[in-house]
Amino acid sequence: MDDNIDLEALDGYLSSDDSPENCMMLSDLDGFIHGVICSPVMIHSDEWLPVALGGDPGEVPVWVLNDITDLYMGIAQGLVADPPVVEPIFWQAHEGHVIAMDWCEGFMQAVALRPKEWLRLTESGTDGHLVNPIVAHLLDDNGNSLLGIPQEELDQVLAEAADAIPDAVAEIFSYWRQA
């Protein structure tokens, strides 16, 4: 992660009334950028940045664009490092547990930009499991797991899945680079 990025200021802007109405929050944005970088095909910033910002990038302050660019570059550099460095920005609940749901939703929004291209991985009999720690965090409107995880097991499964996300993301990135 780039130490020059003021994550508190970026988070403050993204969650403020000054940001575009449909702008992603910091955790979603971080997951989204990870997904964009892990994509099987290059996604140009002209396409993904308006999705992330919920509008025209020209309408946000330059420092925000610079911080998002720096965040992108830091994530990309981490993924190509040997060994890879993946440091997702998850929320922390007051009780102390990690909340990775928003991050995972952001990642899946990036997948949705190129759904057909992702099928080779997601439908793979040998490597499709790589997306499981991310998909495990997707819930329906009633808070039920889309994977059918029983409610009484959900907290434990989500905690384990959150712990597995950094390795899974590194493996997904590697999968597409070796393809």
N, C-alpha and C. Protein backbone atom coordinates (compact mmCIF):
# COMPACT_ATOMS: atom_id res chain seq x y z
N MET A 1 0.85 -1.18 0.00
CA MET A 1 0.00 0.00 0.00
C MET A 1 0.89 1.24 0.00
N ASP A 2 0.50 2.22 -0.75
CA ASP A 2 1.25 3.47 -0.85
C ASP A 2 1.06 4.28 0.43
N ASP A 3 2.15 4.60 1.09
CA ASP A 3 2.07 5.37 2.34
C ASP A 3 1.66 6.82 2.10
N ASN A 4 1.68 7.27 0.84
CA ASN A 4 1.31 8.65 0.54
C ASN A 4 -0.19 8.86 0.49
N ILE A 5 -0.95 7.78 0.49
CA ILE A 5 -2.40 7.88 0.43
C ILE A 5 -2.95 8.13 1.84
N ASP A 6 -3.73 9.18 1.97
CA ASP A 6 -4.40 9.45 3.24
C ASP A 6 -5.75 8.74 3.18
N LEU A 7 -5.77 7.49 3.66
CA LEU A 7 -6.99 6.68 3.57
C LEU A 7 -8.14 7.29 4.35
N GLU A 8 -7.84 7.94 5.47
CA GLU A 8 -8.91 8.57 6.25
C GLU A 8 -9.56 9.71 5.46
N ALA A 9 -8.74 10.51 4.79
CA ALA A 9 -9.28 11.61 3.99
C ALA A 9 -10.06 11.07 2.80
N LEU A 10 -9.52 10.03 2.15
CA LEU A 10 -10.21 9.44 1.01
C LEU A 10 -11.54 8.84 1.46
N ASP A 11 -11.53 8.11 2.56
CA ASP A 11 -12.75 7.53 3.11
C ASP A 11 -13.75 8.63 3.46
N GLY A 12 -13.25 9.69 4.07
CA GLY A 12 -14.12 10.81 4.42
C GLY A 12 -14.79 11.42 3.21
N TYR A 13 -14.03 11.60 2.14
CA TYR A 13 -14.61 12.17 0.92
C TYR A 13 -15.63 11.21 0.31
N LEU A 14 -15.25 9.93 0.18
CA LEU A 14 -16.12 8.96 -0.48
C LEU A 14 -17.45 8.80 0.25
N SER A 15 -17.45 8.98 1.56
CA SER A 15 -18.68 8.82 2.33
C SER A 15 -19.38 10.15 2.61
N SER A 16 -18.88 11.23 2.03
CA SER A 16 -19.46 12.55 2.27
C SER A 16 -20.52 12.90 1.23
N ASP A 17 -21.24 13.96 1.52
CA ASP A 17 -22.23 14.48 0.57
C ASP A 17 -21.56 15.14 -0.63
N ASP A 18 -20.26 15.41 -0.53
CA ASP A 18 -19.53 16.02 -1.64
C ASP A 18 -19.23 15.03 -2.76
N SER A 19 -19.24 13.74 -2.45
CA SER A 19 -18.94 12.72 -3.47
C SER A 19 -20.18 12.45 -4.31
N PRO A 20 -20.01 11.90 -5.51
CA PRO A 20 -21.17 11.53 -6.32
C PRO A 20 -22.08 10.57 -5.55
N GLU A 21 -23.36 10.65 -5.81
CA GLU A 21 -24.35 9.89 -5.04
C GLU A 21 -24.09 8.39 -5.04
N ASN A 22 -23.69 7.83 -6.16
CA ASN A 22 -23.49 6.38 -6.26
C ASN A 22 -22.03 5.97 -6.13
N CYS A 23 -21.23 6.80 -5.52
CA CYS A 23 -19.80 6.56 -5.33
C CYS A 23 -19.59 5.37 -4.39
N MET A 24 -18.61 4.54 -4.71
CA MET A 24 -18.26 3.43 -3.81
C MET A 24 -17.60 3.98 -2.56
N MET A 25 -17.81 3.29 -1.45
CA MET A 25 -17.10 3.59 -0.22
C MET A 25 -15.71 2.95 -0.30
N LEU A 26 -14.87 3.22 0.66
CA LEU A 26 -13.47 2.81 0.59
C LEU A 26 -13.28 1.29 0.48
N SER A 27 -13.96 0.51 1.29
CA SER A 27 -13.79 -0.94 1.24
C SER A 27 -14.28 -1.50 -0.09
N ASP A 28 -15.46 -1.04 -0.55
CA ASP A 28 -15.97 -1.46 -1.86
C ASP A 28 -14.98 -1.11 -2.95
N LEU A 29 -14.48 0.12 -2.90
CA LEU A 29 -13.54 0.61 -3.91
C LEU A 29 -12.28 -0.25 -3.94
N ASP A 30 -11.76 -0.58 -2.77
CA ASP A 30 -10.56 -1.40 -2.70
C ASP A 30 -10.82 -2.79 -3.30
N GLY A 31 -11.94 -3.40 -2.97
CA GLY A 31 -12.30 -4.69 -3.56
C GLY A 31 -12.48 -4.58 -5.06
N PHE A 32 -13.13 -3.51 -5.49
CA PHE A 32 -13.36 -3.28 -6.92
C PHE A 32 -12.04 -3.16 -7.67
N ILE A 33 -11.12 -2.38 -7.13
CA ILE A 33 -9.83 -2.20 -7.79
C ILE A 33 -9.07 -3.53 -7.83
N HIS A 34 -9.11 -4.30 -6.74
CA HIS A 34 -8.48 -5.62 -6.78
C HIS A 34 -9.09 -6.46 -7.90
N GLY A 35 -10.41 -6.42 -8.03
CA GLY A 35 -11.09 -7.18 -9.08
C GLY A 35 -10.72 -6.71 -10.47
N VAL A 36 -10.61 -5.41 -10.65
CA VAL A 36 -10.21 -4.85 -11.95
C VAL A 36 -8.81 -5.33 -12.31
N ILE A 37 -7.90 -5.28 -11.36
CA ILE A 37 -6.52 -5.68 -11.63
C ILE A 37 -6.44 -7.19 -11.86
N CYS A 38 -7.26 -7.96 -11.17
CA CYS A 38 -7.25 -9.42 -11.33
C CYS A 38 -8.01 -9.88 -12.57
N SER A 39 -8.66 -8.99 -13.27
CA SER A 39 -9.48 -9.36 -14.42
C SER A 39 -8.68 -10.13 -15.46
N PRO A 40 -9.35 -11.09 -16.12
CA PRO A 40 -8.66 -11.84 -17.17
C PRO A 40 -8.29 -10.98 -18.38
N VAL A 41 -8.93 -9.84 -18.52
CA VAL A 41 -8.60 -8.91 -19.61
C VAL A 41 -8.44 -7.51 -19.01
N MET A 42 -7.62 -6.71 -19.65
CA MET A 42 -7.37 -5.35 -19.19
C MET A 42 -8.66 -4.53 -19.23
N ILE A 43 -8.93 -3.83 -18.16
CA ILE A 43 -10.07 -2.91 -18.11
C ILE A 43 -9.49 -1.52 -17.93
N HIS A 44 -9.71 -0.67 -18.90
CA HIS A 44 -9.13 0.67 -18.89
C HIS A 44 -9.83 1.55 -17.85
N SER A 45 -9.09 2.47 -17.29
CA SER A 45 -9.64 3.36 -16.26
C SER A 45 -10.80 4.20 -16.77
N ASP A 46 -10.85 4.46 -18.08
CA ASP A 46 -11.99 5.19 -18.64
C ASP A 46 -13.30 4.44 -18.41
N GLU A 47 -13.21 3.13 -18.26
CA GLU A 47 -14.40 2.33 -18.02
C GLU A 47 -14.66 2.12 -16.52
N TRP A 48 -13.63 1.74 -15.77
CA TRP A 48 -13.88 1.37 -14.37
C TRP A 48 -13.98 2.57 -13.43
N LEU A 49 -13.28 3.65 -13.72
CA LEU A 49 -13.30 4.79 -12.81
C LEU A 49 -14.69 5.42 -12.67
N PRO A 50 -15.45 5.62 -13.77
CA PRO A 50 -16.81 6.14 -13.60
C PRO A 50 -17.71 5.20 -12.79
N VAL A 51 -17.49 3.89 -12.91
CA VAL A 51 -18.27 2.94 -12.11
C VAL A 51 -17.93 3.11 -10.64
N ALA A 52 -16.64 3.19 -10.34
CA ALA A 52 -16.19 3.34 -8.96
C ALA A 52 -16.69 4.64 -8.34
N LEU A 53 -16.66 5.70 -9.12
CA LEU A 53 -17.04 7.01 -8.61
C LEU A 53 -18.53 7.29 -8.71
N GLY A 54 -19.25 6.45 -9.42
CA GLY A 54 -20.67 6.67 -9.58
C GLY A 54 -20.98 7.89 -10.42
N GLY A 55 -20.06 8.26 -11.29
CA GLY A 55 -20.26 9.43 -12.13
C GLY A 55 -19.00 9.83 -12.86
N ASP A 56 -19.00 11.04 -13.34
CA ASP A 56 -17.90 11.58 -14.13
C ASP A 56 -16.69 11.86 -13.25
N PRO A 57 -15.55 11.22 -13.55
CA PRO A 57 -14.34 11.48 -12.75
C PRO A 57 -13.93 12.95 -12.76
N GLY A 58 -14.32 13.69 -13.78
CA GLY A 58 -13.98 15.10 -13.86
C GLY A 58 -14.68 15.94 -12.81
N GLU A 59 -15.67 15.37 -12.13
CA GLU A 59 -16.43 16.11 -11.13
C GLU A 59 -15.93 15.89 -9.70
N VAL A 60 -14.86 15.12 -9.55
CA VAL A 60 -14.31 14.90 -8.20
C VAL A 60 -12.98 15.63 -8.08
N PRO A 61 -12.58 15.98 -6.88
CA PRO A 61 -11.31 16.69 -6.71
C PRO A 61 -10.12 15.88 -7.24
N VAL A 62 -9.14 16.59 -7.75
CA VAL A 62 -7.95 15.96 -8.32
C VAL A 62 -7.25 15.08 -7.29
N TRP A 63 -7.20 15.52 -6.03
CA TRP A 63 -6.51 14.71 -5.02
C TRP A 63 -7.18 13.35 -4.84
N VAL A 64 -8.51 13.28 -5.02
CA VAL A 64 -9.22 12.01 -4.91
C VAL A 64 -8.80 11.10 -6.05
N LEU A 65 -8.77 11.64 -7.27
CA LEU A 65 -8.32 10.85 -8.42
C LEU A 65 -6.89 10.38 -8.23
N ASN A 66 -6.04 11.26 -7.71
CA ASN A 66 -4.65 10.88 -7.47
C ASN A 66 -4.55 9.76 -6.44
N ASP A 67 -5.33 9.87 -5.36
CA ASP A 67 -5.30 8.83 -4.33
C ASP A 67 -5.82 7.51 -4.87
N ILE A 68 -6.87 7.55 -5.69
CA ILE A 68 -7.40 6.31 -6.27
C ILE A 68 -6.38 5.71 -7.23
N THR A 69 -5.71 6.54 -8.00
CA THR A 69 -4.66 6.05 -8.90
C THR A 69 -3.52 5.44 -8.09
N ASP A 70 -3.13 6.10 -7.01
CA ASP A 70 -2.06 5.56 -6.16
C ASP A 70 -2.49 4.24 -5.51
N LEU A 71 -3.76 4.15 -5.11
CA LEU A 71 -4.28 2.92 -4.53
C LEU A 71 -4.21 1.80 -5.57
N TYR A 72 -4.64 2.09 -6.79
CA TYR A 72 -4.57 1.12 -7.89
C TYR A 72 -3.13 0.65 -8.09
N MET A 73 -2.21 1.59 -8.17
CA MET A 73 -0.81 1.23 -8.42
C MET A 73 -0.23 0.41 -7.26
N GLY A 74 -0.58 0.76 -6.04
CA GLY A 74 -0.11 0.01 -4.89
C GLY A 74 -0.62 -1.42 -4.89
N ILE A 75 -1.89 -1.60 -5.24
CA ILE A 75 -2.47 -2.94 -5.32
C ILE A 75 -1.78 -3.73 -6.43
N ALA A 76 -1.62 -3.11 -7.59
CA ALA A 76 -0.97 -3.79 -8.72
C ALA A 76 0.45 -4.20 -8.37
N GLN A 77 1.19 -3.30 -7.74
CA GLN A 77 2.57 -3.63 -7.36
C GLN A 77 2.60 -4.76 -6.34
N GLY A 78 1.66 -4.78 -5.43
CA GLY A 78 1.59 -5.86 -4.45
C GLY A 78 1.32 -7.20 -5.10
N LEU A 79 0.45 -7.21 -6.10
CA LEU A 79 0.10 -8.47 -6.76
C LEU A 79 1.24 -9.04 -7.59
N VAL A 80 2.09 -8.19 -8.14
CA VAL A 80 3.20 -8.70 -8.95
C VAL A 80 4.46 -8.94 -8.12
N ALA A 81 4.43 -8.57 -6.84
CA ALA A 81 5.59 -8.78 -5.98
C ALA A 81 5.81 -10.29 -5.77
N ASP A 82 7.02 -10.64 -5.37
CA ASP A 82 7.33 -12.03 -5.10
C ASP A 82 7.86 -12.15 -3.68
N PRO A 83 7.08 -12.64 -2.75
CA PRO A 83 5.72 -13.16 -2.89
C PRO A 83 4.71 -12.02 -2.98
N PRO A 84 3.52 -12.33 -3.51
CA PRO A 84 2.50 -11.28 -3.64
C PRO A 84 2.10 -10.71 -2.28
N VAL A 85 1.75 -9.43 -2.29
CA VAL A 85 1.28 -8.75 -1.09
C VAL A 85 -0.14 -8.27 -1.37
N VAL A 86 -1.09 -8.82 -0.65
CA VAL A 86 -2.49 -8.44 -0.79
C VAL A 86 -2.98 -7.99 0.58
N GLU A 87 -3.35 -6.70 0.67
CA GLU A 87 -3.80 -6.11 1.93
C GLU A 87 -5.16 -5.46 1.74
N PRO A 88 -6.22 -6.28 1.72
CA PRO A 88 -7.55 -5.71 1.51
C PRO A 88 -7.95 -4.77 2.64
N ILE A 89 -8.72 -3.77 2.27
CA ILE A 89 -9.25 -2.81 3.26
C ILE A 89 -10.64 -3.29 3.66
N PHE A 90 -10.70 -3.97 4.79
CA PHE A 90 -11.97 -4.45 5.33
C PHE A 90 -12.41 -3.51 6.45
N TRP A 91 -13.71 -3.48 6.70
CA TRP A 91 -14.23 -2.74 7.84
C TRP A 91 -13.98 -3.57 9.09
N GLN A 92 -13.92 -2.91 10.20
CA GLN A 92 -13.77 -3.56 11.50
C GLN A 92 -15.00 -3.23 12.33
N ALA A 93 -15.72 -4.25 12.78
CA ALA A 93 -16.90 -4.03 13.62
C ALA A 93 -16.47 -3.58 15.01
N HIS A 94 -17.37 -2.92 15.71
CA HIS A 94 -17.07 -2.47 17.07
C HIS A 94 -16.70 -3.64 17.97
N GLU A 95 -17.28 -4.81 17.68
CA GLU A 95 -17.00 -6.00 18.48
C GLU A 95 -15.63 -6.58 18.16
N GLY A 96 -14.98 -6.07 17.11
CA GLY A 96 -13.63 -6.51 16.79
C GLY A 96 -13.51 -7.42 15.59
N HIS A 97 -14.62 -7.96 15.10
CA HIS A 97 -14.49 -8.86 13.95
C HIS A 97 -14.45 -8.08 12.64
N VAL A 98 -13.88 -8.73 11.65
CA VAL A 98 -13.70 -8.13 10.32
C VAL A 98 -14.99 -8.25 9.53
N ILE A 99 -15.30 -7.21 8.77
CA ILE A 99 -16.45 -7.23 7.86
C ILE A 99 -15.90 -7.08 6.44
N ALA A 100 -15.92 -8.17 5.70
CA ALA A 100 -15.36 -8.18 4.35
C ALA A 100 -16.42 -8.09 3.26
N MET A 101 -17.68 -8.02 3.65
CA MET A 101 -18.78 -8.08 2.69
C MET A 101 -18.71 -6.96 1.64
N ASP A 102 -18.49 -5.72 2.06
CA ASP A 102 -18.44 -4.62 1.10
C ASP A 102 -17.28 -4.79 0.13
N TRP A 103 -16.13 -5.21 0.66
CA TRP A 103 -14.96 -5.44 -0.19
C TRP A 103 -15.29 -6.49 -1.25
N CYS A 104 -15.93 -7.58 -0.82
CA CYS A 104 -16.28 -8.66 -1.75
C CYS A 104 -17.30 -8.20 -2.79
N GLU A 105 -18.25 -7.38 -2.37
CA GLU A 105 -19.21 -6.84 -3.33
C GLU A 105 -18.50 -5.98 -4.36
N GLY A 106 -17.53 -5.19 -3.93
CA GLY A 106 -16.75 -4.40 -4.86
C GLY A 106 -15.99 -5.27 -5.84
N PHE A 107 -15.35 -6.33 -5.34
CA PHE A 107 -14.62 -7.25 -6.22
C PHE A 107 -15.57 -7.83 -7.26
N MET A 108 -16.76 -8.26 -6.82
CA MET A 108 -17.71 -8.87 -7.74
C MET A 108 -18.28 -7.85 -8.74
N GLN A 109 -18.32 -6.58 -8.39
CA GLN A 109 -18.72 -5.56 -9.37
C GLN A 109 -17.69 -5.49 -10.49
N ALA A 110 -16.43 -5.67 -10.15
CA ALA A 110 -15.39 -5.70 -11.19
C ALA A 110 -15.55 -6.95 -12.05
N VAL A 111 -15.85 -8.08 -11.43
CA VAL A 111 -16.10 -9.31 -12.19
C VAL A 111 -17.25 -9.08 -13.17
N ALA A 112 -18.28 -8.36 -12.73
CA ALA A 112 -19.46 -8.10 -13.56
C ALA A 112 -19.14 -7.25 -14.79
N LEU A 113 -17.99 -6.57 -14.80
CA LEU A 113 -17.60 -5.82 -15.99
C LEU A 113 -17.21 -6.74 -17.14
N ARG A 114 -16.76 -7.95 -16.82
CA ARG A 114 -16.34 -8.93 -17.84
C ARG A 114 -16.80 -10.33 -17.44
N PRO A 115 -18.10 -10.54 -17.26
CA PRO A 115 -18.57 -11.83 -16.73
C PRO A 115 -18.23 -13.03 -17.61
N LYS A 116 -18.32 -12.89 -18.91
CA LYS A 116 -18.02 -14.03 -19.79
C LYS A 116 -16.56 -14.45 -19.69
N GLU A 117 -15.68 -13.47 -19.55
CA GLU A 117 -14.25 -13.79 -19.47
C GLU A 117 -13.91 -14.51 -18.17
N TRP A 118 -14.67 -14.24 -17.11
CA TRP A 118 -14.42 -14.87 -15.81
C TRP A 118 -14.92 -16.31 -15.76
N LEU A 119 -15.78 -16.70 -16.70
CA LEU A 119 -16.37 -18.04 -16.66
C LEU A 119 -15.32 -19.15 -16.68
N ARG A 120 -14.23 -18.94 -17.39
CA ARG A 120 -13.20 -19.98 -17.46
C ARG A 120 -12.68 -20.33 -16.06
N LEU A 121 -12.61 -19.36 -15.19
CA LEU A 121 -12.19 -19.62 -13.81
C LEU A 121 -13.36 -20.10 -12.96
N THR A 122 -14.46 -19.37 -12.99
CA THR A 122 -15.56 -19.68 -12.07
C THR A 122 -16.20 -21.03 -12.36
N GLU A 123 -16.14 -21.48 -13.61
CA GLU A 123 -16.72 -22.78 -13.96
C GLU A 123 -15.67 -23.87 -14.07
N SER A 124 -14.45 -23.55 -13.69
CA SER A 124 -13.36 -24.52 -13.74
C SER A 124 -13.54 -25.58 -12.66
N GLY A 125 -13.38 -26.81 -13.03
CA GLY A 125 -13.47 -27.89 -12.06
C GLY A 125 -12.28 -27.95 -11.13
N THR A 126 -11.17 -27.36 -11.54
CA THR A 126 -9.96 -27.44 -10.72
C THR A 126 -9.64 -26.14 -9.99
N ASP A 127 -10.04 -25.00 -10.53
CA ASP A 127 -9.65 -23.72 -9.93
C ASP A 127 -10.82 -22.83 -9.53
N GLY A 128 -12.02 -23.24 -9.79
CA GLY A 128 -13.19 -22.42 -9.46
C GLY A 128 -13.29 -22.09 -7.98
N HIS A 129 -12.72 -22.94 -7.13
CA HIS A 129 -12.75 -22.72 -5.69
C HIS A 129 -12.03 -21.44 -5.27
N LEU A 130 -11.19 -20.90 -6.14
CA LEU A 130 -10.43 -19.70 -5.78
C LEU A 130 -11.33 -18.52 -5.44
N VAL A 131 -12.50 -18.46 -6.04
CA VAL A 131 -13.41 -17.34 -5.77
C VAL A 131 -14.30 -17.58 -4.54
N ASN A 132 -14.26 -18.78 -3.97
CA ASN A 132 -15.15 -19.11 -2.85
C ASN A 132 -15.04 -18.17 -1.65
N PRO A 133 -13.83 -17.77 -1.21
CA PRO A 133 -13.78 -16.86 -0.06
C PRO A 133 -14.47 -15.52 -0.32
N ILE A 134 -14.51 -15.11 -1.58
CA ILE A 134 -15.17 -13.86 -1.95
C ILE A 134 -16.67 -14.07 -2.06
N VAL A 135 -17.07 -15.10 -2.81
CA VAL A 135 -18.49 -15.37 -3.04
C VAL A 135 -19.20 -15.74 -1.73
N ALA A 136 -18.47 -16.31 -0.78
CA ALA A 136 -19.08 -16.67 0.51
C ALA A 136 -19.69 -15.46 1.21
N HIS A 137 -19.18 -14.27 0.91
CA HIS A 137 -19.66 -13.05 1.57
C HIS A 137 -20.89 -12.43 0.90
N LEU A 138 -21.35 -13.02 -0.17
CA LEU A 138 -22.51 -12.46 -0.87
C LEU A 138 -23.79 -13.00 -0.23
N LEU A 139 -24.63 -12.08 0.20
CA LEU A 139 -25.87 -12.42 0.88
C LEU A 139 -27.05 -11.84 0.12
N ASP A 140 -28.21 -12.46 0.28
CA ASP A 140 -29.41 -11.91 -0.34
C ASP A 140 -29.95 -10.78 0.53
N ASP A 141 -31.08 -10.21 0.12
CA ASP A 141 -31.65 -9.07 0.84
C ASP A 141 -32.09 -9.42 2.27
N ASN A 142 -32.27 -10.70 2.54
CA ASN A 142 -32.68 -11.14 3.88
C ASN A 142 -31.49 -11.58 4.74
N GLY A 143 -30.28 -11.40 4.22
CA GLY A 143 -29.08 -11.77 4.97
C GLY A 143 -28.73 -13.23 4.90
N ASN A 144 -29.32 -13.94 3.94
CA ASN A 144 -29.02 -15.36 3.76
C ASN A 144 -27.91 -15.54 2.74
N SER A 145 -27.06 -16.50 2.98
CA SER A 145 -25.94 -16.79 2.10
C SER A 145 -26.43 -17.24 0.73
N LEU A 146 -25.83 -16.70 -0.32
CA LEU A 146 -26.15 -17.15 -1.67
C LEU A 146 -25.59 -18.55 -1.92
N LEU A 147 -24.65 -18.99 -1.08
CA LEU A 147 -24.09 -20.33 -1.19
C LEU A 147 -24.83 -21.34 -0.32
N GLY A 148 -25.87 -20.88 0.38
CA GLY A 148 -26.65 -21.78 1.22
C GLY A 148 -26.01 -22.11 2.55
N ILE A 149 -25.10 -21.28 3.01
CA ILE A 149 -24.46 -21.50 4.31
C ILE A 149 -25.51 -21.28 5.40
N PRO A 150 -25.71 -22.25 6.29
CA PRO A 150 -26.71 -22.08 7.35
C PRO A 150 -26.40 -20.87 8.23
N GLN A 151 -27.44 -20.16 8.65
CA GLN A 151 -27.28 -18.95 9.47
C GLN A 151 -26.43 -19.19 10.71
N GLU A 152 -26.62 -20.34 11.35
CA GLU A 152 -25.88 -20.61 12.59
C GLU A 152 -24.38 -20.82 12.35
N GLU A 153 -23.98 -21.06 11.11
CA GLU A 153 -22.57 -21.25 10.77
C GLU A 153 -21.97 -20.03 10.07
N LEU A 154 -22.82 -19.08 9.72
CA LEU A 154 -22.41 -17.98 8.85
C LEU A 154 -21.26 -17.14 9.42
N ASP A 155 -21.35 -16.73 10.67
CA ASP A 155 -20.29 -15.88 11.25
C ASP A 155 -18.93 -16.56 11.18
N GLN A 156 -18.87 -17.83 11.55
CA GLN A 156 -17.60 -18.57 11.53
C GLN A 156 -17.08 -18.73 10.10
N VAL A 157 -17.97 -19.08 9.18
CA VAL A 157 -17.57 -19.27 7.78
C VAL A 157 -17.07 -17.95 7.19
N LEU A 158 -17.75 -16.86 7.49
CA LEU A 158 -17.33 -15.56 6.95
C LEU A 158 -15.99 -15.13 7.53
N ALA A 159 -15.75 -15.40 8.80
CA ALA A 159 -14.46 -15.06 9.41
C ALA A 159 -13.33 -15.84 8.74
N GLU A 160 -13.55 -17.13 8.53
CA GLU A 160 -12.54 -17.96 7.86
C GLU A 160 -12.35 -17.52 6.41
N ALA A 161 -13.45 -17.20 5.74
CA ALA A 161 -13.36 -16.76 4.35
C ALA A 161 -12.60 -15.44 4.25
N ALA A 162 -12.85 -14.51 5.17
CA ALA A 162 -12.14 -13.22 5.16
C ALA A 162 -10.64 -13.44 5.31
N ASP A 163 -10.26 -14.37 6.19
CA ASP A 163 -8.84 -14.68 6.37
C ASP A 163 -8.22 -15.25 5.10
N ALA A 164 -9.03 -15.95 4.30
CA ALA A 164 -8.53 -16.60 3.09
C ALA A 164 -8.47 -15.67 1.88
N ILE A 165 -9.10 -14.51 1.96
CA ILE A 165 -9.18 -13.63 0.79
C ILE A 165 -7.82 -13.19 0.25
N PRO A 166 -6.87 -12.75 1.07
CA PRO A 166 -5.59 -12.32 0.48
C PRO A 166 -4.92 -13.41 -0.37
N ASP A 167 -4.86 -14.63 0.14
CA ASP A 167 -4.25 -15.71 -0.64
C ASP A 167 -5.07 -16.02 -1.89
N ALA A 168 -6.40 -16.00 -1.75
CA ALA A 168 -7.26 -16.29 -2.90
C ALA A 168 -7.06 -15.26 -4.01
N VAL A 169 -6.98 -13.98 -3.63
CA VAL A 169 -6.79 -12.92 -4.63
C VAL A 169 -5.45 -13.09 -5.33
N ALA A 170 -4.41 -13.39 -4.58
CA ALA A 170 -3.09 -13.61 -5.19
C ALA A 170 -3.14 -14.79 -6.16
N GLU A 171 -3.86 -15.85 -5.79
CA GLU A 171 -3.97 -17.02 -6.66
C GLU A 171 -4.82 -16.72 -7.89
N ILE A 172 -5.87 -15.92 -7.74
CA ILE A 172 -6.69 -15.53 -8.90
C ILE A 172 -5.84 -14.72 -9.87
N PHE A 173 -5.10 -13.76 -9.35
CA PHE A 173 -4.23 -12.94 -10.19
C PHE A 173 -3.23 -13.84 -10.93
N SER A 174 -2.63 -14.76 -10.23
CA SER A 174 -1.66 -15.68 -10.83
C SER A 174 -2.32 -16.58 -11.87
N TYR A 175 -3.53 -17.04 -11.58
CA TYR A 175 -4.26 -17.91 -12.51
C TYR A 175 -4.39 -17.25 -13.88
N TRP A 176 -4.81 -16.00 -13.89
CA TRP A 176 -5.01 -15.32 -15.18
C TRP A 176 -3.69 -14.99 -15.86
N ARG A 177 -2.65 -14.76 -15.10
CA ARG A 177 -1.36 -14.44 -15.71
C ARG A 177 -0.71 -15.68 -16.32
N GLN A 178 -1.06 -16.86 -15.81
CA GLN A 178 -0.52 -18.11 -16.35
C GLN A 178 -1.37 -18.67 -17.47
N ALA A 179 -2.58 -18.13 -17.62
CA ALA A 179 -3.52 -18.65 -18.62
C ALA A 179 -3.06 -18.32 -20.03
